[in-house]
N, C-alpha and C. Protein backbone atom coordinates (compact mmCIF):
# COMPACT_ATOMS: atom_id res chain seq x y z
N MET A 1 125.17 -66.71 79.26
CA MET A 1 124.62 -65.49 78.65
C MET A 1 124.69 -63.90 79.50
N VAL A 2 125.18 -62.86 79.11
CA VAL A 2 125.26 -61.57 79.78
C VAL A 2 124.07 -60.75 79.42
N ARG A 3 123.41 -60.74 80.70
CA ARG A 3 122.18 -59.69 80.48
C ARG A 3 122.72 -58.18 80.72
N MET A 4 122.34 -57.37 80.03
CA MET A 4 121.99 -56.16 80.02
C MET A 4 121.55 -55.32 81.07
N PRO A 5 121.92 -54.39 81.89
CA PRO A 5 121.10 -53.59 82.98
C PRO A 5 120.16 -53.17 82.21
N PHE A 6 118.83 -53.06 82.77
CA PHE A 6 117.94 -52.44 81.98
C PHE A 6 117.67 -51.15 82.83
N ASP A 7 117.17 -49.85 82.46
CA ASP A 7 116.99 -48.77 82.75
C ASP A 7 115.51 -48.51 83.13
N VAL A 8 115.25 -48.39 84.53
CA VAL A 8 113.96 -48.34 84.93
C VAL A 8 113.05 -47.22 84.65
N ASP A 9 114.08 -46.02 84.52
CA ASP A 9 113.40 -44.87 84.00
C ASP A 9 112.99 -44.81 82.39
N LYS A 10 113.62 -45.43 81.53
CA LYS A 10 113.29 -45.78 80.25
C LYS A 10 112.06 -46.58 79.94
N ILE A 11 111.97 -47.47 80.97
CA ILE A 11 110.64 -48.41 80.63
C ILE A 11 109.60 -47.62 81.40
N ARG A 12 109.57 -47.13 82.25
CA ARG A 12 108.42 -46.02 82.60
C ARG A 12 108.16 -45.14 81.58
N GLU A 13 109.10 -44.48 81.09
CA GLU A 13 108.72 -43.50 79.85
C GLU A 13 108.05 -44.13 79.17
N MET A 14 108.33 -45.31 78.30
CA MET A 14 107.62 -45.87 77.63
C MET A 14 106.31 -46.42 77.93
N GLN A 15 105.96 -46.87 79.28
CA GLN A 15 104.82 -47.37 79.56
C GLN A 15 103.87 -45.87 79.52
N LEU A 16 104.52 -44.72 80.00
CA LEU A 16 103.35 -43.69 80.21
C LEU A 16 103.09 -43.09 78.40
N ALA A 17 103.99 -43.40 77.67
CA ALA A 17 103.86 -42.86 76.40
C ALA A 17 102.48 -43.72 75.73
N VAL A 18 102.83 -45.11 76.03
CA VAL A 18 101.61 -45.75 75.82
C VAL A 18 100.38 -45.36 76.24
N LEU A 19 100.20 -45.27 77.35
CA LEU A 19 99.14 -45.04 78.26
C LEU A 19 98.51 -43.57 77.59
N ARG A 20 99.26 -42.46 77.21
CA ARG A 20 99.10 -41.24 76.95
C ARG A 20 98.34 -41.29 75.59
N ARG A 21 98.95 -42.47 74.47
CA ARG A 21 98.15 -42.49 73.31
C ARG A 21 97.10 -43.10 73.49
N CYS A 22 96.99 -44.50 74.45
CA CYS A 22 95.67 -44.97 74.20
C CYS A 22 94.43 -43.77 74.98
N GLY A 23 94.96 -43.00 75.67
CA GLY A 23 94.10 -42.08 76.40
C GLY A 23 93.61 -41.11 75.53
N ASP A 24 94.64 -40.54 74.37
CA ASP A 24 94.11 -39.82 73.36
C ASP A 24 93.26 -40.32 72.46
N ARG A 25 93.47 -41.66 72.06
CA ARG A 25 92.68 -42.48 71.26
C ARG A 25 91.40 -42.59 71.56
N ILE A 26 91.17 -42.92 72.96
CA ILE A 26 89.96 -43.18 73.65
C ILE A 26 89.04 -41.69 73.39
N GLU A 27 89.82 -40.73 73.79
CA GLU A 27 89.37 -39.44 74.03
C GLU A 27 88.69 -39.00 72.49
N ARG A 28 89.59 -39.14 71.68
CA ARG A 28 89.06 -38.83 70.16
C ARG A 28 88.06 -39.61 69.80
N ALA A 29 87.65 -41.11 70.14
CA ALA A 29 86.80 -41.68 69.69
C ALA A 29 85.58 -41.45 70.60
N GLY A 30 85.59 -40.78 71.78
CA GLY A 30 84.64 -40.56 72.59
C GLY A 30 83.89 -41.75 73.45
N TYR A 31 84.76 -42.79 73.74
CA TYR A 31 84.49 -43.78 74.24
C TYR A 31 85.01 -43.79 75.90
N THR A 32 84.33 -44.44 76.67
CA THR A 32 84.74 -44.49 78.03
C THR A 32 85.80 -45.64 78.10
N PRO A 33 86.69 -45.85 78.94
CA PRO A 33 87.54 -46.97 79.03
C PRO A 33 86.71 -48.54 79.10
N SER A 34 85.59 -48.57 79.42
CA SER A 34 84.95 -49.68 79.69
C SER A 34 84.30 -50.01 78.16
N GLU A 35 83.88 -49.04 77.61
CA GLU A 35 83.45 -49.33 76.27
C GLU A 35 84.27 -49.56 75.22
N CYS A 36 85.77 -48.95 75.60
CA CYS A 36 86.80 -49.35 74.74
C CYS A 36 87.11 -50.93 74.78
N TYR A 37 87.40 -51.52 76.30
CA TYR A 37 87.31 -52.78 76.55
C TYR A 37 86.49 -53.67 75.91
N ARG A 38 85.03 -53.16 76.04
CA ARG A 38 83.77 -54.05 75.35
C ARG A 38 84.13 -54.24 73.76
N LEU A 39 84.30 -53.01 73.45
CA LEU A 39 84.67 -53.14 71.72
C LEU A 39 85.66 -54.11 71.38
N ALA A 40 86.74 -53.73 72.11
CA ALA A 40 87.91 -54.95 71.83
C ALA A 40 87.48 -56.28 72.04
N ASP A 41 86.85 -56.62 72.90
CA ASP A 41 86.37 -58.03 73.26
C ASP A 41 85.52 -58.53 72.09
N GLN A 42 84.69 -57.45 71.72
CA GLN A 42 83.98 -57.95 70.63
C GLN A 42 84.42 -58.12 69.37
N ARG A 43 85.33 -57.39 68.91
CA ARG A 43 86.30 -57.28 67.60
C ARG A 43 87.26 -58.75 67.87
N ALA A 44 87.59 -59.10 69.02
CA ALA A 44 88.31 -60.33 69.19
C ALA A 44 87.55 -61.67 69.13
N SER A 45 86.42 -61.61 69.50
CA SER A 45 85.43 -62.30 69.44
C SER A 45 84.81 -62.87 67.58
N MET A 46 84.99 -61.86 66.82
CA MET A 46 84.76 -62.06 65.57
C MET A 46 85.80 -62.62 64.67
N ARG A 47 86.80 -62.59 65.30
CA ARG A 47 87.91 -63.37 64.55
C ARG A 47 87.82 -64.90 64.20
N GLY A 48 88.70 -65.19 63.18
CA GLY A 48 88.67 -66.95 63.11
C GLY A 48 87.40 -67.22 62.39
N PHE A 49 87.23 -68.35 62.02
CA PHE A 49 86.34 -69.19 61.35
C PHE A 49 85.17 -69.13 61.97
N THR A 50 84.68 -69.33 63.39
CA THR A 50 83.57 -69.55 63.92
C THR A 50 83.25 -68.10 64.32
N GLY A 51 83.74 -67.10 64.31
CA GLY A 51 83.71 -65.75 64.69
C GLY A 51 83.11 -65.28 63.45
N GLY A 52 83.56 -65.53 62.30
CA GLY A 52 83.19 -64.94 60.98
C GLY A 52 81.60 -65.81 60.89
N VAL A 53 81.54 -67.00 61.15
CA VAL A 53 80.30 -67.63 60.87
C VAL A 53 79.30 -67.17 61.78
N ARG A 54 79.28 -67.00 63.05
CA ARG A 54 78.74 -66.08 64.15
C ARG A 54 78.34 -65.02 63.43
N ALA A 55 79.17 -63.98 62.93
CA ALA A 55 78.70 -62.64 62.51
C ALA A 55 77.82 -62.52 61.37
N ARG A 56 78.29 -63.44 60.14
CA ARG A 56 77.45 -63.55 58.93
C ARG A 56 75.86 -63.93 59.63
N HIS A 57 75.69 -64.85 60.76
CA HIS A 57 74.25 -65.26 60.94
C HIS A 57 73.81 -64.44 62.26
N GLY A 58 74.30 -63.45 62.41
CA GLY A 58 73.97 -62.70 63.79
C GLY A 58 73.82 -63.23 64.93
N LEU A 59 74.78 -64.20 65.40
CA LEU A 59 74.87 -64.79 66.85
C LEU A 59 75.84 -64.37 67.61
């Protein structure tokens, strides 16, 4: 299998674009990064069967 050489500058550019979008989203929502991570964790815990049961019963 022949691997294509990757362009480090393109990868860095994409990473910075993602970070900028995340920063803009956090700024618009008015959350600090720690609040953003906490909310994402909370949403992840509500997924699935047990998450739905816990959410309905306030656990």
